[in-house]
Amino acid sequence: MNARLLIGLYLAVVLLPLVLSALGARPPRSVADELAAGAGMLAYAILLTEFLLSGRFRTVSRQIGIDITMRFHQLLARSAVVLALLHPFGYRNPSMGFDLSALATGIIAWALLALLFLMAIFRDRSDLRHESWRLLHGIGAAVIAGLVLHHVLYAGSLAQDPVLAALWIGLFAVAVLSLVFIYAIKPVLKRLRPWQVDSVRQIAERTWELTLAPRGHAGLRYRSGQFAWISVGRSAISLNDNPFSIASAPGSGDRLQFVIKELGDFTRTLGQIAPGTRADVDGPHGNMVITGRDAPGIAMIAGGVGIAPILSILRQLRLEDDLRPTLLLYGNRNADQIVYRDELDTLAREHGTRVVHALYEPPEDWDGYHGMCDAALIRKVVTQPEMRQWLYILCGPPAMMDSAERTLINLGVPALNIISERFKYD
């Protein structure tokens, strides 16, 4: 299933209620009432399909990438909220009048949707742990969807059409089942292919290498640049899993290697994890891969632990004896944060990768670039006309990635030649 087919399927599902409504027989209404009803139906259809755009379904994320998937999820959610908030104010002669008892579930859902939206927008400013926020977000969305289903079936004149009512019930069932699959069935399936911690070691300032080994199975089939959701030492059904890019190369064996920086609750305890600890792996996810992308050269721009998926790509290129020219721009705050510096030096010698380090706080004897992977550095190294046709891979802090993408496009690099993946969204 390719990206165009997925987008077409999404549009068909979201617009189907409107089409069925237009084809159904019902008493004529004013244009304002029709627009208000249409806004409500479109908002509900978007809300129900949002359950499938959570970033946890590989069929979706592998085709269009987690970056686009989550951006799509956010933009559509905002559209649904706007449509839903406008929906009750558009009516001039509602079929149910203004009987609050008949409209109660719709009013409650309307208020909860606004609250859920505000919680999502300001989640980074709250004191909620990410796992708690995820739980509230998922349960809240399911409750709102259930309340709206009751509202459209018992207070909406359009749902008196049995075909349209069946469609709403079916879409609601799919949405709820998707939650059940992700948070109940899938964890149990993961336990059938267990993993364990092979080693944990510190490789840079506040940065660790975590290696997982399969137990009783052949491991994970993945492509360089992809990521996995992992949990270590947790129960099968748990919200304490986190997405991390895979740093090992697919051709290097059955072990998975991750480069993880101390940031959250789990990452701060990495040094305390003992080898042999049970782990769960959900993957592979993501589409930041070079497989199937023909380009005369490959340039990679990494900031901090954004080096992880790029390491996987470089390691696999070396294993495959890929002779295309490669360039790595790698930015860190100081020299102690550089990971695998010896290996990168080896790649430069043996594979011919041009490695350019950039430090924001360099030591006095530093002879590399002073600063981060910014526009000035990119313009300094992307000088040859043929480099505009290279493939560019970006991974790091959002500000760095945004700046790098703008700079590359201004230099004449086609947008289709720039691929990236980020795990933080506004």
Protein backbone atom coordinates (compact mmCIF):
# COMPACT_ATOMS: atom_id res chain seq x y z
CA MET A 1 0.00 0.00 0.00
CA ASN A 2 1.63 3.26 -1.13
CA ALA A 3 1.25 6.78 0.23
CA ARG A 4 -1.19 7.93 -2.47
CA LEU A 5 -3.48 4.98 -1.83
CA LEU A 6 -3.42 5.69 1.92
CA ILE A 7 -4.32 9.36 1.37
CA GLY A 8 -7.08 8.40 -1.07
CA LEU A 9 -8.48 5.88 1.39
CA TYR A 10 -8.41 8.45 4.17
CA LEU A 11 -10.29 11.03 2.10
CA ALA A 12 -12.86 8.43 1.06
CA VAL A 13 -13.58 7.47 4.68
CA VAL A 14 -13.78 11.06 5.93
CA LEU A 15 -16.03 12.25 3.11
CA LEU A 16 -18.27 9.16 2.95
CA PRO A 17 -20.72 10.40 5.65
CA LEU A 18 -21.20 13.65 3.74
CA VAL A 19 -21.83 11.75 0.51
CA LEU A 20 -24.38 9.43 2.13
CA SER A 21 -26.09 12.40 3.73
CA ALA A 22 -26.35 14.19 0.40
CA LEU A 23 -27.82 11.11 -1.28
CA GLY A 24 -30.36 10.44 1.47
CA ALA A 25 -33.95 11.64 1.43
CA ARG A 26 -34.92 14.15 4.14
CA PRO A 27 -36.93 17.35 4.52
CA PRO A 28 -35.27 20.45 3.08
CA ARG A 29 -33.32 22.71 5.45
CA SER A 30 -31.68 26.09 5.27
CA VAL A 31 -28.15 26.46 3.91
CA ALA A 32 -26.91 27.44 7.39
CA ASP A 33 -28.34 24.26 8.92
CA GLU A 34 -26.83 22.13 6.17
CA LEU A 35 -23.42 23.69 6.67
CA ALA A 36 -23.64 23.25 10.46
CA ALA A 37 -24.59 19.59 10.10
CA GLY A 38 -21.85 19.04 7.53
CA ALA A 39 -19.25 20.62 9.83
CA GLY A 40 -20.31 18.32 12.65
CA MET A 41 -20.17 15.19 10.49
CA LEU A 42 -16.80 16.09 9.03
CA ALA A 43 -15.41 16.81 12.50
CA TYR A 44 -16.61 13.45 13.82
CA ALA A 45 -15.29 11.54 10.81
CA ILE A 46 -11.88 13.17 11.27
CA LEU A 47 -11.90 12.42 15.01
CA LEU A 48 -12.59 8.72 14.42
CA THR A 49 -9.87 8.37 11.78
CA GLU A 50 -7.39 10.13 14.09
CA PHE A 51 -7.17 6.90 16.08
CA LEU A 52 -5.39 5.31 13.12
CA LEU A 53 -2.93 8.21 12.80
CA SER A 54 -1.33 7.75 16.21
CA GLY A 55 2.03 6.79 14.72
CA ARG A 56 1.79 3.23 16.07
CA PHE A 57 0.64 1.49 12.90
CA ARG A 58 3.59 0.44 10.77
CA THR A 59 1.53 0.25 7.59
CA VAL A 60 1.01 4.01 7.82
CA SER A 61 4.36 5.18 9.20
CA ARG A 62 6.44 3.07 6.83
CA GLN A 63 4.67 4.50 3.79
CA ILE A 64 4.60 8.22 4.61
CA GLY A 65 7.00 8.45 7.55
CA ILE A 66 6.34 9.19 11.21
CA ASP A 67 7.12 12.87 10.62
CA ILE A 68 4.31 13.32 8.10
CA THR A 69 2.01 10.95 10.00
CA MET A 70 2.19 12.95 13.22
CA ARG A 71 2.03 16.31 11.46
CA PHE A 72 -1.03 15.06 9.60
CA HIS A 73 -2.49 13.88 12.91
CA GLN A 74 -2.02 17.29 14.51
CA LEU A 75 -3.28 19.39 11.62
CA LEU A 76 -6.36 17.25 11.15
CA ALA A 77 -7.07 17.28 14.88
CA ARG A 78 -6.99 21.07 14.86
CA SER A 79 -9.31 21.12 11.86
CA ALA A 80 -11.72 18.77 13.62
CA VAL A 81 -11.72 20.93 16.74
CA VAL A 82 -12.49 24.10 14.76
CA LEU A 83 -15.33 22.38 12.87
CA ALA A 84 -16.74 20.88 16.07
CA LEU A 85 -16.62 24.17 17.97
CA LEU A 86 -18.38 25.99 15.12
CA HIS A 87 -20.93 23.21 14.57
CA PRO A 88 -23.61 24.16 17.18
CA PHE A 89 -23.45 27.87 16.36
CA GLY A 90 -24.28 27.40 12.69
CA TYR A 91 -27.85 26.16 13.16
CA ARG A 92 -30.78 28.46 12.59
CA ASN A 93 -33.63 25.93 12.90
CA PRO A 94 -32.20 22.76 14.51
CA SER A 95 -34.45 19.71 14.23
CA MET A 96 -34.16 19.04 17.98
CA GLY A 97 -34.75 22.67 18.90
CA PHE A 98 -32.77 23.71 21.93
CA ASP A 99 -33.79 20.86 24.25
CA LEU A 100 -30.70 20.49 26.45
CA SER A 101 -31.71 17.04 27.66
CA ALA A 102 -31.63 15.74 24.09
CA LEU A 103 -28.35 17.50 23.37
CA ALA A 104 -26.59 16.65 26.66
CA THR A 105 -24.06 14.13 25.30
CA GLY A 106 -23.17 16.46 22.45
CA ILE A 107 -22.65 19.39 24.82
CA ILE A 108 -20.43 17.30 27.13
CA ALA A 109 -18.40 16.01 24.18
CA TRP A 110 -18.06 19.56 22.84
CA ALA A 111 -16.62 20.78 26.16
CA LEU A 112 -14.34 17.76 26.61
CA LEU A 113 -12.97 18.12 23.09
CA ALA A 114 -11.96 21.70 23.79
CA LEU A 115 -10.28 20.56 27.02
CA LEU A 116 -8.47 17.67 25.29
CA PHE A 117 -7.25 20.06 22.61
CA LEU A 118 -5.86 22.51 25.18
CA MET A 119 -4.13 19.66 27.04
CA ALA A 120 -2.44 18.60 23.81
CA ILE A 121 -1.36 22.12 22.89
CA PHE A 122 0.11 22.88 26.32
CA ARG A 123 1.36 19.40 27.26
CA ASP A 124 5.00 20.52 27.40
CA ARG A 125 4.11 23.16 30.00
CA SER A 126 2.21 20.81 32.30
CA ASP A 127 3.58 18.71 35.14
CA LEU A 128 2.07 15.52 33.72
CA ARG A 129 4.46 12.70 32.90
CA HIS A 130 4.37 11.79 29.23
CA GLU A 131 2.93 8.35 30.03
CA SER A 132 0.09 9.91 32.04
CA TRP A 133 -0.63 12.37 29.26
CA ARG A 134 -0.78 9.54 26.71
CA LEU A 135 -3.25 7.64 28.87
CA LEU A 136 -5.50 10.67 29.36
CA HIS A 137 -5.26 11.58 25.68
CA GLY A 138 -6.28 8.12 24.50
CA ILE A 139 -9.06 7.59 27.04
CA GLY A 140 -10.32 11.15 26.60
CA ALA A 141 -10.54 10.75 22.81
CA ALA A 142 -12.41 7.43 23.19
CA VAL A 143 -14.89 8.94 25.68
CA ILE A 144 -15.53 11.92 23.40
CA ALA A 145 -16.04 9.60 20.41
CA GLY A 146 -18.57 7.56 22.42
CA LEU A 147 -20.48 10.64 23.55
CA VAL A 148 -20.63 11.99 20.01
CA LEU A 149 -21.86 8.61 18.74
CA HIS A 150 -24.76 8.77 21.20
CA HIS A 151 -25.40 12.36 20.15
CA VAL A 152 -25.58 11.63 16.42
CA LEU A 153 -27.71 8.50 16.89
CA TYR A 154 -30.27 10.02 19.23
CA ALA A 155 -30.16 13.77 18.67
CA GLY A 156 -29.14 14.07 15.04
CA SER A 157 -31.77 13.88 12.32
CA LEU A 158 -29.24 12.77 9.71
CA ALA A 159 -28.40 9.60 11.63
CA GLN A 160 -32.02 8.42 11.31
CA ASP A 161 -30.86 7.06 7.96
CA PRO A 162 -29.99 3.42 8.85
CA VAL A 163 -27.08 3.30 6.40
CA LEU A 164 -25.52 6.44 7.86
CA ALA A 165 -26.12 5.23 11.40
CA ALA A 166 -24.43 1.91 10.58
CA LEU A 167 -21.46 3.78 9.13
CA TRP A 168 -21.00 5.83 12.33
CA ILE A 169 -21.22 2.70 14.48
CA GLY A 170 -18.71 0.92 12.24
CA LEU A 171 -16.21 3.79 12.29
CA PHE A 172 -16.53 4.07 16.05
CA ALA A 173 -15.91 0.34 16.44
CA VAL A 174 -12.77 0.55 14.27
CA ALA A 175 -11.48 3.48 16.34
CA VAL A 176 -12.00 1.69 19.65
CA LEU A 177 -10.57 -1.57 18.34
CA SER A 178 -7.45 0.29 17.20
CA LEU A 179 -6.86 1.41 20.79
CA VAL A 180 -7.47 -2.12 22.07
CA PHE A 181 -5.05 -3.51 19.51
CA ILE A 182 -2.26 -1.03 20.29
CA TYR A 183 -2.49 -1.08 24.07
CA ALA A 184 -3.75 -4.61 24.84
CA ILE A 185 -3.34 -7.07 21.97
CA LYS A 186 -0.07 -5.82 20.50
CA PRO A 187 1.84 -5.92 23.83
CA VAL A 188 0.81 -9.56 24.26
CA LEU A 189 1.98 -10.36 20.72
CA LYS A 190 5.32 -8.67 21.47
CA ARG A 191 5.82 -11.06 24.37
CA LEU A 192 5.86 -13.91 21.86
CA ARG A 193 9.09 -12.41 20.45
CA PRO A 194 10.98 -11.38 23.60
CA TRP A 195 14.20 -9.41 23.83
CA GLN A 196 16.71 -8.87 26.58
CA VAL A 197 19.33 -6.28 27.41
CA ASP A 198 22.69 -7.43 26.07
CA SER A 199 24.74 -4.46 27.28
CA VAL A 200 24.52 -0.88 28.50
CA ARG A 201 27.48 1.47 28.39
CA GLN A 202 28.05 5.20 28.49
CA ILE A 203 29.55 6.45 25.24
CA ALA A 204 29.47 10.24 25.73
CA GLU A 205 28.33 12.92 28.14
CA ARG A 206 24.83 11.88 29.34
CA THR A 207 24.60 9.53 26.36
CA TRP A 208 24.31 5.75 26.47
CA GLU A 209 24.49 2.81 24.11
CA LEU A 210 21.76 0.23 24.75
CA THR A 211 22.06 -3.10 22.96
CA LEU A 212 19.17 -5.57 22.86
CA ALA A 213 19.41 -9.24 21.85
CA PRO A 214 16.54 -11.45 20.68
CA ARG A 215 15.53 -14.42 22.83
CA GLY A 216 14.52 -17.48 20.85
CA HIS A 217 13.85 -15.79 17.52
CA ALA A 218 15.74 -14.33 14.55
CA GLY A 219 15.40 -10.69 15.58
CA LEU A 220 13.91 -7.73 13.74
CA ARG A 221 13.88 -7.10 10.00
CA TYR A 222 14.40 -3.40 9.47
CA ARG A 223 16.00 -0.84 7.18
CA SER A 224 18.68 1.67 8.09
CA GLY A 225 17.15 4.89 9.38
CA GLN A 226 14.10 3.31 11.00
CA PHE A 227 13.18 3.35 14.69
CA ALA A 228 11.38 1.19 17.25
CA TRP A 229 9.30 1.68 20.36
CA ILE A 230 11.04 -0.10 23.23
CA SER A 231 10.35 -0.76 26.88
CA VAL A 232 12.78 -2.32 29.32
CA GLY A 233 11.88 -4.14 32.52
CA ARG A 234 8.17 -3.32 32.23
CA SER A 235 5.00 -5.38 32.13
CA ALA A 236 3.60 -6.41 28.75
CA ILE A 237 0.74 -3.89 28.93
CA SER A 238 2.43 -0.61 29.76
CA LEU A 239 2.51 2.98 28.56
CA ASN A 240 6.20 3.21 29.45
CA ASP A 241 7.60 2.59 25.99
CA ASN A 242 9.57 5.18 24.07
CA PRO A 243 10.61 5.66 20.42
CA PHE A 244 14.34 5.45 19.67
CA SER A 245 16.16 5.34 16.36
CA ILE A 246 18.08 2.15 15.62
CA ALA A 247 21.82 2.85 15.36
CA SER A 248 22.95 -0.63 14.33
CA ALA A 249 23.08 -1.71 10.68
CA PRO A 250 20.64 -4.36 9.40
CA GLY A 251 23.57 -6.34 8.05
CA SER A 252 25.52 -6.37 11.31
CA GLY A 253 23.62 -9.19 13.04
CA ASP A 254 20.52 -9.82 15.08
CA ARG A 255 21.24 -7.32 17.88
CA LEU A 256 19.66 -3.87 18.00
CA GLN A 257 21.72 -0.93 19.14
CA PHE A 258 20.32 2.40 20.31
CA VAL A 259 21.99 5.70 21.18
CA ILE A 260 20.00 7.35 23.95
CA LYS A 261 20.48 10.65 25.74
CA GLU A 262 19.41 11.20 29.35
CA LEU A 263 16.27 13.31 29.15
CA GLY A 264 13.20 11.67 30.70
CA ASP A 265 12.35 9.30 33.53
CA PHE A 266 13.41 6.15 31.67
CA THR A 267 16.58 7.55 30.11
CA ARG A 268 17.91 8.76 33.47
CA THR A 269 17.92 5.16 34.73
CA LEU A 270 19.83 3.63 31.82
CA GLY A 271 23.00 3.16 33.85
CA GLN A 272 21.07 1.05 36.37
CA ILE A 273 19.75 -1.50 33.86
CA ALA A 274 21.37 -4.91 34.24
CA PRO A 275 22.21 -7.18 31.29
CA GLY A 276 19.57 -9.88 30.94
CA THR A 277 16.68 -7.55 31.77
CA ARG A 278 13.63 -8.33 29.68
CA ALA A 279 12.72 -5.85 26.92
CA ASP A 280 9.94 -5.42 24.38
CA VAL A 281 10.39 -4.07 20.86
CA ASP A 282 7.67 -2.68 18.60
CA GLY A 283 9.00 -1.98 15.16
CA PRO A 284 10.29 -1.18 12.72
CA HIS A 285 8.66 2.20 12.19
CA GLY A 286 9.53 5.20 10.06
CA ASN A 287 10.46 5.98 6.51
CA MET A 288 13.72 7.90 6.84
CA VAL A 289 15.49 5.34 4.66
CA ILE A 290 17.64 5.49 1.55
CA THR A 291 16.39 2.17 0.17
CA GLY A 292 14.89 2.77 -3.26
CA ARG A 293 16.15 6.36 -3.42
CA ASP A 294 18.67 6.82 -6.23
CA ALA A 295 21.09 9.71 -5.76
CA PRO A 296 24.68 10.34 -6.86
CA GLY A 297 25.71 11.14 -3.27
CA ILE A 298 24.35 11.20 0.27
CA ALA A 299 24.78 14.02 2.77
CA MET A 300 23.72 13.62 6.39
CA ILE A 301 23.19 16.43 8.90
CA ALA A 302 22.91 15.35 12.53
CA GLY A 303 22.61 17.16 15.82
CA GLY A 304 23.23 15.40 19.14
CA VAL A 305 21.62 11.96 19.37
CA GLY A 306 20.16 12.59 15.93
CA ILE A 307 23.32 10.77 14.87
CA ALA A 308 21.69 7.40 15.74
CA PRO A 309 19.74 6.66 12.51
CA ILE A 310 22.52 8.22 10.46
CA LEU A 311 25.02 5.84 12.05
CA SER A 312 22.79 2.96 10.94
CA ILE A 313 22.81 4.29 7.38
CA LEU A 314 26.58 4.87 7.32
CA ARG A 315 27.30 1.46 8.81
CA GLN A 316 25.10 -0.28 6.25
CA LEU A 317 26.65 1.66 3.37
CA ARG A 318 30.04 0.48 4.53
CA LEU A 319 28.88 -3.16 4.81
CA GLU A 320 27.44 -3.00 1.29
CA ASP A 321 30.61 -1.35 -0.12
CA ASP A 322 28.47 1.47 -1.48
CA LEU A 323 30.96 3.73 -3.27
CA ARG A 324 28.79 6.83 -3.58
CA PRO A 325 30.33 9.93 -1.96
CA THR A 326 29.02 10.61 1.53
CA LEU A 327 29.15 13.66 3.77
CA LEU A 328 28.36 13.92 7.47
CA LEU A 329 27.84 17.23 9.28
CA TYR A 330 27.66 16.42 12.99
CA GLY A 331 26.90 19.11 15.54
CA ASN A 332 27.21 18.99 19.34
CA ARG A 333 27.48 21.45 22.18
CA ASN A 334 30.97 20.26 23.25
CA ALA A 335 33.53 17.58 22.40
CA ASP A 336 32.44 15.29 25.24
CA GLN A 337 29.07 14.78 23.51
CA ILE A 338 30.53 13.32 20.32
CA VAL A 339 29.63 9.62 20.09
CA TYR A 340 31.71 6.96 18.32
CA ARG A 341 34.37 9.45 17.32
CA ASP A 342 36.90 6.71 16.56
CA GLU A 343 34.40 4.88 14.36
CA LEU A 344 33.60 8.07 12.48
CA ASP A 345 37.33 8.59 11.91
CA THR A 346 37.51 5.03 10.56
CA LEU A 347 34.60 5.69 8.23
CA ALA A 348 36.43 8.74 6.94
CA ARG A 349 39.59 6.73 6.26
CA GLU A 350 38.14 3.47 4.95
CA HIS A 351 34.82 4.44 3.42
CA GLY A 352 35.75 7.93 2.30
CA THR A 353 32.99 9.66 4.23
CA ARG A 354 33.76 13.33 4.72
CA VAL A 355 33.07 14.01 8.39
CA VAL A 356 32.71 17.62 9.54
CA HIS A 357 32.32 18.18 13.28
CA ALA A 358 30.74 21.38 14.60
CA LEU A 359 30.88 22.40 18.26
CA TYR A 360 28.99 25.25 19.90
CA GLU A 361 31.38 25.30 22.87
CA PRO A 362 34.66 23.98 21.46
CA PRO A 363 37.86 23.50 23.50
CA GLU A 364 40.73 25.90 22.98
CA ASP A 365 42.66 23.52 20.73
CA TRP A 366 39.63 22.73 18.52
CA ASP A 367 40.48 22.92 14.82
CA GLY A 368 37.02 22.08 13.53
CA TYR A 369 33.99 24.27 12.87
CA HIS A 370 32.92 26.68 15.62
CA GLY A 371 29.12 26.74 15.92
CA MET A 372 26.34 24.32 15.12
CA CYS A 373 25.16 22.72 11.89
CA ASP A 374 23.74 26.03 10.72
CA ALA A 375 23.20 27.74 7.39
CA ALA A 376 26.76 29.07 7.29
CA LEU A 377 28.28 25.59 7.63
CA ILE A 378 25.94 24.09 5.05
CA ARG A 379 26.78 26.81 2.53
CA LYS A 380 30.46 26.23 3.25
CA VAL A 381 30.39 22.52 2.37
CA VAL A 382 27.58 22.25 -0.20
CA THR A 383 29.45 24.14 -2.90
CA GLN A 384 29.64 21.87 -5.94
CA PRO A 385 26.70 22.09 -8.40
CA GLU A 386 26.32 18.30 -8.56
CA MET A 387 25.68 18.20 -4.80
CA ARG A 388 22.25 19.74 -5.41
CA GLN A 389 21.15 16.33 -6.72
CA TRP A 390 22.36 14.45 -3.66
CA LEU A 391 20.06 12.93 -1.08
CA TYR A 392 20.03 14.88 2.21
CA ILE A 393 19.10 13.26 5.51
CA LEU A 394 18.36 15.46 8.52
CA CYS A 395 17.97 14.36 12.13
CA GLY A 396 18.39 16.45 15.25
CA PRO A 397 16.78 19.34 17.16
CA PRO A 398 13.73 20.79 15.35
CA ALA A 399 15.29 24.26 15.00
CA MET A 400 18.40 22.80 13.38
CA MET A 401 16.34 20.70 10.98
CA ASP A 402 14.12 23.61 9.97
CA SER A 403 17.13 25.83 9.33
CA ALA A 404 18.96 23.12 7.38
CA GLU A 405 15.94 22.40 5.20
CA ARG A 406 15.42 26.07 4.35
CA THR A 407 19.10 26.51 3.55
CA LEU A 408 19.25 23.46 1.29
CA ILE A 409 16.15 24.52 -0.65
CA ASN A 410 17.62 28.02 -1.07
CA LEU A 411 20.76 26.39 -2.47
CA GLY A 412 18.68 24.65 -5.12
CA VAL A 413 18.27 21.19 -3.57
CA PRO A 414 14.83 19.77 -4.55
CA ALA A 415 12.51 19.29 -1.56
CA LEU A 416 12.01 15.63 -2.58
CA ASN A 417 15.74 15.07 -2.03
CA ILE A 418 15.47 16.05 1.64
CA ILE A 419 14.21 13.48 4.13
CA SER A 420 13.90 13.88 7.87
CA GLU A 421 12.18 12.53 10.92
CA ARG A 422 11.46 14.23 14.19
CA PHE A 423 9.88 13.10 17.44
CA LYS A 424 8.74 16.49 18.71
CA TYR A 425 5.97 18.61 17.24
CA ASP A 426 4.46 21.97 18.09
